[in-house]
Protein backbone atom coordinates (compact mmCIF):
# COMPACT_ATOMS: atom_id res chain seq x y z
CA MET A 1 -4.48 47.33 -59.31
CA LYS A 2 -0.92 47.48 -60.58
CA ILE A 3 0.96 44.23 -61.10
CA GLU A 4 3.31 45.01 -58.19
CA GLU A 5 0.30 45.14 -55.85
CA GLN A 6 -1.13 41.95 -57.38
CA VAL A 7 2.13 40.17 -56.58
CA LYS A 8 2.04 41.46 -52.99
CA VAL A 9 -1.52 40.17 -52.56
CA PHE A 10 -0.39 36.65 -53.38
CA GLN A 11 2.75 37.00 -51.28
CA CYS A 12 0.44 37.73 -48.33
CA CYS A 13 -1.37 34.45 -48.94
CA HIS A 14 1.66 32.26 -48.11
CA ASP A 15 0.35 28.86 -46.92
CA GLY A 16 -3.18 29.72 -48.07
CA THR A 17 -5.09 27.25 -50.24
CA LEU A 18 -6.85 28.16 -53.48
CA VAL A 19 -10.19 26.41 -52.98
CA ARG A 20 -12.40 27.97 -55.66
CA LEU A 21 -12.06 29.33 -59.19
CA GLU A 22 -15.07 30.04 -61.36
CA ALA A 23 -16.07 32.26 -64.24
CA ASP A 24 -18.57 35.00 -63.44
CA PRO A 25 -21.40 34.32 -65.92
CA LEU A 26 -22.29 38.00 -66.21
CA ASN A 27 -18.97 39.46 -67.30
CA LYS A 28 -16.53 36.56 -67.75
CA ASP A 29 -14.31 37.73 -64.88
CA ILE A 30 -12.82 34.98 -62.74
CA LEU A 31 -13.88 34.70 -59.11
CA TRP A 32 -11.59 32.95 -56.63
CA VAL A 33 -11.33 32.04 -52.95
CA ILE A 34 -8.18 31.41 -50.93
CA GLU A 35 -8.52 29.93 -47.46
CA CYS A 36 -5.97 31.88 -45.47
CA GLU A 37 -7.45 32.05 -41.98
CA TYR A 38 -4.50 33.54 -40.11
CA ILE A 39 -4.38 36.66 -42.31
CA VAL A 40 -8.08 37.11 -43.06
CA GLU A 41 -8.98 36.77 -39.39
CA MET A 42 -6.81 39.82 -38.67
CA MET A 43 -9.25 41.88 -40.76
CA GLU A 44 -12.46 40.08 -39.92
CA PRO A 45 -12.40 37.83 -36.82
CA GLY A 46 -14.01 34.43 -37.23
CA THR A 47 -13.52 34.25 -41.00
CA SER A 48 -11.01 32.37 -43.11
CA GLU A 49 -11.67 33.18 -46.77
CA LEU A 50 -10.04 35.85 -48.88
CA ARG A 51 -12.21 36.35 -51.94
CA GLY A 52 -11.21 38.02 -55.15
CA CYS A 53 -11.87 38.62 -58.79
CA PHE A 54 -9.54 38.72 -61.77
CA ARG A 55 -11.00 41.46 -63.96
CA GLY A 56 -10.04 41.37 -67.61
CA CYS A 57 -8.09 38.15 -67.16
CA THR A 58 -6.36 37.16 -70.40
CA GLU A 59 -4.26 34.27 -69.11
CA LEU A 60 -4.64 31.82 -66.23
CA TYR A 61 -3.00 28.43 -66.10
CA PHE A 62 -1.02 26.08 -63.86
CA GLN A 63 2.13 24.38 -65.04
CA GLU A 64 3.90 21.76 -62.96
CA TRP A 65 7.60 22.18 -62.47
CA GLY A 66 9.38 20.14 -65.14
CA SER A 67 6.29 19.72 -67.33
CA GLU A 68 5.24 21.35 -70.59
CA ARG A 69 1.52 20.75 -69.95
CA LYS A 70 -0.58 23.79 -69.02
CA MET A 71 -3.79 23.24 -67.07
CA GLU A 72 -6.29 25.96 -68.01
CA LYS A 73 -9.76 24.63 -67.15
CA LEU A 74 -11.04 26.42 -64.06
CA GLU A 75 -12.69 23.34 -62.58
CA GLU A 76 -9.45 21.37 -62.91
CA LEU A 77 -7.42 24.19 -61.37
CA ALA A 78 -9.81 24.53 -58.44
CA ALA A 79 -9.72 20.78 -57.82
CA LEU A 80 -5.93 20.95 -57.33
CA GLU A 81 -6.34 22.96 -54.11
CA LEU A 82 -3.05 24.73 -54.75
CA GLU A 83 -1.14 25.87 -51.67
CA VAL A 84 0.35 29.33 -52.21
CA TYR A 85 4.04 29.51 -51.42
CA ALA A 86 5.46 32.66 -53.05
CA ALA A 87 4.72 35.17 -55.81
CA SER A 88 6.70 37.23 -58.29
CA GLU A 89 6.30 39.07 -61.59
CA ARG A 90 7.57 37.80 -64.93
CA ASP A 91 6.88 39.32 -68.35
CA GLY A 92 3.85 41.25 -67.11
CA ALA A 93 2.23 38.26 -65.39
CA VAL A 94 1.90 37.29 -61.74
CA ILE A 95 3.69 34.00 -61.11
CA VAL A 96 2.49 32.17 -58.01
CA ALA A 97 4.67 29.28 -56.87
CA CYS A 98 2.31 26.63 -55.47
CA TYR A 99 2.57 23.24 -53.85
CA LEU A 100 0.25 20.39 -54.71
CA THR A 101 -1.21 18.39 -51.86
CA PRO A 102 -0.46 14.66 -52.24
CA ASP A 103 -4.14 13.84 -51.64
CA THR A 104 -5.20 16.06 -54.55
CA TYR A 105 -2.70 15.25 -57.26
CA ALA A 106 -0.13 12.47 -57.50
CA SER A 107 2.99 13.95 -59.03
CA PRO A 108 6.69 13.64 -58.38
CA SER A 109 7.21 17.39 -58.70
CA GLN A 110 4.68 18.32 -56.00
CA GLY A 111 4.21 21.83 -57.31
CA GLY A 112 4.43 24.35 -60.06
CA GLU A 113 3.48 27.85 -61.16
CA LEU A 114 0.09 29.46 -61.39
CA VAL A 115 0.39 32.12 -64.11
CA ILE A 116 -2.06 35.03 -63.95
CA ARG A 117 -2.30 37.88 -66.43
CA THR A 118 -5.14 40.22 -65.50
CA ARG A 119 -6.02 43.87 -65.95
CA ASP A 120 -7.24 44.30 -62.38
CA LEU A 121 -7.72 42.47 -59.14
CA ALA A 122 -10.52 43.12 -56.64
CA LEU A 123 -10.56 41.80 -53.06
CA TRP A 124 -13.17 41.29 -50.37
CA THR A 125 -13.75 39.33 -47.20
CA GLN A 126 -16.01 36.38 -46.57
CA THR A 127 -18.83 38.78 -45.66
CA PHE A 128 -18.29 40.61 -48.97
CA ARG A 129 -16.64 43.68 -47.43
CA SER A 130 -14.37 45.22 -50.05
CA ILE A 131 -10.73 45.49 -48.99
CA THR A 132 -7.67 47.11 -50.49
CA ALA A 133 -4.27 45.58 -51.12
CA GLU A 134 -2.91 47.95 -48.45
CA GLU A 135 -5.38 46.60 -45.89
CA LEU A 136 -4.37 43.03 -46.71
CA LEU A 137 -0.66 43.94 -46.52
CA GLY A 138 -1.24 45.57 -43.14
CA ALA A 139 -3.04 42.49 -41.79
CA SER A 140 -0.24 40.27 -43.09
CA ALA A 141 2.46 42.43 -41.50
CA ALA A 142 0.58 42.48 -38.18
CA TYR A 143 0.19 38.70 -38.23
CA TRP A 144 3.87 38.03 -38.96
CA GLN A 145 5.02 40.55 -36.34
CA ASP A 146 2.84 38.81 -33.77
CA PHE A 147 4.11 35.42 -34.96
CA ALA A 148 7.73 36.55 -34.56
CA ARG A 149 7.03 37.95 -31.11
CA LYS A 150 5.37 34.73 -29.94
CA SER A 151 8.19 32.63 -31.44
CA SER A 152 10.84 34.63 -29.58
CA GLU A 153 8.97 34.15 -26.29
CA THR A 154 9.16 30.37 -26.46
């Protein structure tokens, strides 16, 4: 998956929470889960988890805004329960702006950047049905169109 598509995947996950990050013991890829019910449910009713895999990941860390410290240990990153806000590309890496929940991490900055440099990104649903970036983008667009329609009716 090209970096432009990787960025769009994380843009779709706005307000989703990164709840799991772990190394795949067989091939050293990094498996992850984002709870993003409102989008995932558009593709698979009754589910809330978008699952994925960073294939050939060469860089993954979180850096708080205003700090020089990089958090790279997967278990520490997962424990942060980062809330996805926005995503962009910088120097060949996906940059995901995230908020920290006050219950998870006491910090005056309340957020930072998750930096991801990976060769490929695979996606699937909670029931392990493989999905494409286009399918996720379509579900996201449908959700936000419905949200806008409902908002204008009130």
